[in-house]
Amino acid sequence: MENWIKKLFIAGLFFSLPVTAQDYSEQSLRTLFTSQQQRQDIDGDRKGQSLPEGKALNAPSSVQVNGIVKRKNGKNVVWVNGKNTMSNTTVDGVKVYSNSINAQNKVPIMIDGRRVYVKPGETWSEETGASGVGD
């Protein structure tokens, strides 16, 4: 009988431990080092979602398309200013439409509210508003 009571007591301790762990919600752990707004901004950037009203991206004055990988089964990948679009459709404040590459391999990008088409190796410049062969 004494052994049974010990087992019951140990089981009671074991099952009471998760109750204290439930005090921490997933959201509170996600915002451990950031505010809730910062966390939403980070998650939105990762998903390639547009920013809320009043927030603007700091777009670069020139955009170079370094290369593309066209995939038959899956998402195309574009390198813009040395960064790729594997995990995000926005690179350095530039929205890249990697799945809309045309037959001439021109990549549509949205910069400063306008859509421009840039081929790999070309650079779009804010000064000229046109694309040309990169450096």
C-alpha atoms as a PDB file:
ATOM      1  CA  MET A   1       0.000   0.000   0.000  1.00  0.00           C
ATOM      2  CA  GLU A   2       2.805   2.373   0.791  1.00  0.00           C
ATOM      3  CA  ASN A   3       4.428   1.795  -2.628  1.00  0.00           C
ATOM      4  CA  TRP A   4       1.119   2.661  -4.351  1.00  0.00           C
ATOM      5  CA  ILE A   5       0.934   6.013  -2.558  1.00  0.00           C
ATOM      6  CA  LYS A   6       4.495   6.887  -3.603  1.00  0.00           C
ATOM      7  CA  LYS A   7       3.668   6.114  -7.252  1.00  0.00           C
ATOM      8  CA  LEU A   8       0.512   8.210  -7.076  1.00  0.00           C
ATOM      9  CA  PHE A   9       2.413  11.101  -5.521  1.00  0.00           C
ATOM     10  CA  ILE A  10       5.141  10.965  -8.200  1.00  0.00           C
ATOM     11  CA  ALA A  11       2.499  10.770 -10.944  1.00  0.00           C
ATOM     12  CA  GLY A  12       0.757  13.809  -9.463  1.00  0.00           C
ATOM     13  CA  LEU A  13       3.996  15.776  -9.509  1.00  0.00           C
ATOM     14  CA  PHE A  14       4.745  14.694 -13.069  1.00  0.00           C
ATOM     15  CA  PHE A  15       1.332  15.713 -14.434  1.00  0.00           C
ATOM     16  CA  SER A  16       1.336  19.055 -12.596  1.00  0.00           C
ATOM     17  CA  LEU A  17       4.508  20.264 -14.339  1.00  0.00           C
ATOM     18  CA  PRO A  18       2.901  21.067 -17.745  1.00  0.00           C
ATOM     19  CA  VAL A  19       0.390  23.357 -16.021  1.00  0.00           C
ATOM     20  CA  THR A  20       3.144  25.872 -15.249  1.00  0.00           C
ATOM     21  CA  ALA A  21       4.494  25.620 -18.825  1.00  0.00           C
ATOM     22  CA  GLN A  22       1.084  26.616 -20.195  1.00  0.00           C
ATOM     23  CA  ASP A  23       1.493  30.073 -18.651  1.00  0.00           C
ATOM     24  CA  TYR A  24       3.645  30.999 -21.672  1.00  0.00           C
ATOM     25  CA  SER A  25       1.717  31.401 -24.899  1.00  0.00           C
ATOM     26  CA  GLU A  26       3.285  30.927 -28.302  1.00  0.00           C
ATOM     27  CA  GLN A  27       2.857  34.645 -28.993  1.00  0.00           C
ATOM     28  CA  SER A  28       4.678  35.654 -25.814  1.00  0.00           C
ATOM     29  CA  LEU A  29       7.601  33.411 -26.728  1.00  0.00           C
ATOM     30  CA  ARG A  30       7.680  34.792 -30.296  1.00  0.00           C
ATOM     31  CA  THR A  31       7.915  38.332 -28.951  1.00  0.00           C
ATOM     32  CA  LEU A  32      10.494  37.538 -26.294  1.00  0.00           C
ATOM     33  CA  PHE A  33      13.068  39.932 -27.777  1.00  0.00           C
ATOM     34  CA  THR A  34      10.809  42.026 -30.027  1.00  0.00           C
ATOM     35  CA  SER A  35       7.599  43.943 -29.606  1.00  0.00           C
ATOM     36  CA  GLN A  36       4.410  42.526 -31.090  1.00  0.00           C
ATOM     37  CA  GLN A  37       4.516  45.123 -33.912  1.00  0.00           C
ATOM     38  CA  GLN A  38       8.144  44.298 -34.734  1.00  0.00           C
ATOM     39  CA  ARG A  39       7.264  40.591 -34.833  1.00  0.00           C
ATOM     40  CA  GLN A  40       4.358  41.277 -37.238  1.00  0.00           C
ATOM     41  CA  ASP A  41       6.658  43.322 -39.482  1.00  0.00           C
ATOM     42  CA  ILE A  42       9.256  40.539 -39.526  1.00  0.00           C
ATOM     43  CA  ASP A  43       6.653  37.867 -40.283  1.00  0.00           C
ATOM     44  CA  GLY A  44       5.125  40.039 -43.023  1.00  0.00           C
ATOM     45  CA  ASP A  45       8.534  40.588 -44.624  1.00  0.00           C
ATOM     46  CA  ARG A  46       9.216  36.859 -44.627  1.00  0.00           C
ATOM     47  CA  LYS A  47       5.916  36.196 -46.373  1.00  0.00           C
ATOM     48  CA  GLY A  48       6.472  39.007 -48.866  1.00  0.00           C
ATOM     49  CA  GLN A  49       3.362  40.838 -47.750  1.00  0.00           C
ATOM     50  CA  SER A  50       2.970  44.532 -48.382  1.00  0.00           C
ATOM     51  CA  LEU A  51       3.629  46.970 -45.598  1.00  0.00           C
ATOM     52  CA  PRO A  52       0.808  48.757 -43.757  1.00  0.00           C
ATOM     53  CA  GLU A  53      -0.290  52.263 -44.781  1.00  0.00           C
ATOM     54  CA  GLY A  54       2.173  54.948 -43.879  1.00  0.00           C
ATOM     55  CA  LYS A  55       5.228  52.689 -44.026  1.00  0.00           C
ATOM     56  CA  ALA A  56       7.542  52.949 -46.998  1.00  0.00           C
ATOM     57  CA  LEU A  57      10.418  50.796 -48.061  1.00  0.00           C
ATOM     58  CA  ASN A  58      13.730  52.464 -48.661  1.00  0.00           C
ATOM     59  CA  ALA A  59      14.273  51.496 -52.272  1.00  0.00           C
ATOM     60  CA  PRO A  60      17.791  51.628 -53.666  1.00  0.00           C
ATOM     61  CA  SER A  61      18.707  54.105 -56.414  1.00  0.00           C
ATOM     62  CA  SER A  62      19.796  51.267 -58.691  1.00  0.00           C
ATOM     63  CA  VAL A  63      18.791  47.633 -58.985  1.00  0.00           C
ATOM     64  CA  GLN A  64      20.896  44.968 -60.649  1.00  0.00           C
ATOM     65  CA  VAL A  65      19.503  41.573 -61.588  1.00  0.00           C
ATOM     66  CA  ASN A  66      22.490  39.279 -61.083  1.00  0.00           C
ATOM     67  CA  GLY A  67      20.891  36.067 -62.300  1.00  0.00           C
ATOM     68  CA  ILE A  68      17.852  33.813 -62.491  1.00  0.00           C
ATOM     69  CA  VAL A  69      17.047  30.133 -62.155  1.00  0.00           C
ATOM     70  CA  LYS A  70      13.904  29.048 -63.986  1.00  0.00           C
ATOM     71  CA  ARG A  71      12.394  25.878 -62.557  1.00  0.00           C
ATOM     72  CA  LYS A  72       9.910  23.642 -64.310  1.00  0.00           C
ATOM     73  CA  ASN A  73       8.440  22.325 -61.077  1.00  0.00           C
ATOM     74  CA  GLY A  74       8.614  25.013 -58.468  1.00  0.00           C
ATOM     75  CA  LYS A  75       9.358  28.608 -57.727  1.00  0.00           C
ATOM     76  CA  ASN A  76      11.830  30.546 -59.869  1.00  0.00           C
ATOM     77  CA  VAL A  77      14.728  32.202 -58.056  1.00  0.00           C
ATOM     78  CA  VAL A  78      16.078  35.661 -58.920  1.00  0.00           C
ATOM     79  CA  TRP A  79      19.232  37.307 -57.567  1.00  0.00           C
ATOM     80  CA  VAL A  80      18.844  41.057 -57.122  1.00  0.00           C
ATOM     81  CA  ASN A  81      21.699  43.179 -55.779  1.00  0.00           C
ATOM     82  CA  GLY A  82      23.469  39.987 -54.727  1.00  0.00           C
ATOM     83  CA  LYS A  83      20.521  38.584 -52.724  1.00  0.00           C
ATOM     84  CA  ASN A  84      18.099  35.838 -53.764  1.00  0.00           C
ATOM     85  CA  THR A  85      14.322  35.476 -53.651  1.00  0.00           C
ATOM     86  CA  MET A  86      14.238  31.932 -52.297  1.00  0.00           C
ATOM     87  CA  SER A  87      12.525  32.862 -49.039  1.00  0.00           C
ATOM     88  CA  ASN A  88      11.153  36.326 -49.774  1.00  0.00           C
ATOM     89  CA  THR A  89       9.783  38.184 -52.776  1.00  0.00           C
ATOM     90  CA  THR A  90      11.087  41.529 -51.514  1.00  0.00           C
ATOM     91  CA  VAL A  91      14.817  42.242 -51.715  1.00  0.00           C
ATOM     92  CA  ASP A  92      16.302  45.529 -50.470  1.00  0.00           C
ATOM     93  CA  GLY A  93      12.944  47.283 -50.758  1.00  0.00           C
ATOM     94  CA  VAL A  94      12.294  45.961 -54.271  1.00  0.00           C
ATOM     95  CA  LYS A  95       9.349  43.643 -54.983  1.00  0.00           C
ATOM     96  CA  VAL A  96      10.510  40.896 -57.371  1.00  0.00           C
ATOM     97  CA  TYR A  97       7.965  38.923 -59.429  1.00  0.00           C
ATOM     98  CA  SER A  98      10.124  35.827 -59.915  1.00  0.00           C
ATOM     99  CA  ASN A  99       7.295  33.699 -61.302  1.00  0.00           C
ATOM    100  CA  SER A 100       6.456  36.252 -64.019  1.00  0.00           C
ATOM    101  CA  ILE A 101       9.732  36.146 -65.959  1.00  0.00           C
ATOM    102  CA  ASN A 102       8.898  36.617 -69.649  1.00  0.00           C
ATOM    103  CA  ALA A 103      10.211  34.752 -72.708  1.00  0.00           C
ATOM    104  CA  GLN A 104      13.097  37.246 -73.088  1.00  0.00           C
ATOM    105  CA  ASN A 105      14.126  36.471 -69.476  1.00  0.00           C
ATOM    106  CA  LYS A 106      13.148  39.960 -68.324  1.00  0.00           C
ATOM    107  CA  VAL A 107      12.280  40.008 -64.633  1.00  0.00           C
ATOM    108  CA  PRO A 108       9.422  42.290 -63.553  1.00  0.00           C
ATOM    109  CA  ILE A 109      10.278  44.290 -60.445  1.00  0.00           C
ATOM    110  CA  MET A 110       8.316  46.954 -58.584  1.00  0.00           C
ATOM    111  CA  ILE A 111      10.390  49.924 -57.522  1.00  0.00           C
ATOM    112  CA  ASP A 112       9.171  53.337 -56.418  1.00  0.00           C
ATOM    113  CA  GLY A 113       5.601  52.355 -57.307  1.00  0.00           C
ATOM    114  CA  ARG A 114       6.327  51.433 -60.907  1.00  0.00           C
ATOM    115  CA  ARG A 115       6.950  48.133 -62.610  1.00  0.00           C
ATOM    116  CA  VAL A 116      10.111  47.806 -64.669  1.00  0.00           C
ATOM    117  CA  TYR A 117      11.626  44.841 -66.501  1.00  0.00           C
ATOM    118  CA  VAL A 118      15.302  44.003 -66.073  1.00  0.00           C
ATOM    119  CA  LYS A 119      17.282  41.181 -67.680  1.00  0.00           C
ATOM    120  CA  PRO A 120      20.056  39.314 -65.852  1.00  0.00           C
ATOM    121  CA  GLY A 121      23.241  41.354 -66.077  1.00  0.00           C
ATOM    122  CA  GLU A 122      21.357  44.632 -66.459  1.00  0.00           C
ATOM    123  CA  THR A 123      21.005  47.424 -63.923  1.00  0.00           C
ATOM    124  CA  TRP A 124      17.972  49.705 -63.542  1.00  0.00           C
ATOM    125  CA  SER A 125      18.923  53.203 -62.473  1.00  0.00           C
ATOM    126  CA  GLU A 126      16.703  55.755 -60.784  1.00  0.00           C
ATOM    127  CA  GLU A 127      18.582  58.558 -62.530  1.00  0.00           C
ATOM    128  CA  THR A 128      17.778  57.335 -66.037  1.00  0.00           C
ATOM    129  CA  GLY A 129      14.630  55.345 -65.257  1.00  0.00           C
ATOM    130  CA  ALA A 130      15.913  52.713 -67.661  1.00  0.00           C
ATOM    131  CA  SER A 131      17.871  49.502 -67.530  1.00  0.00           C
ATOM    132  CA  GLY A 132      21.185  48.833 -69.219  1.00  0.00           C
ATOM    133  CA  VAL A 133      24.120  46.506 -69.035  1.00  0.00           C
ATOM    134  CA  GLY A 134      25.501  46.377 -65.499  1.00  0.00           C
ATOM    135  CA  ASP A 135      29.013  46.993 -64.250  1.00  0.00           C
END
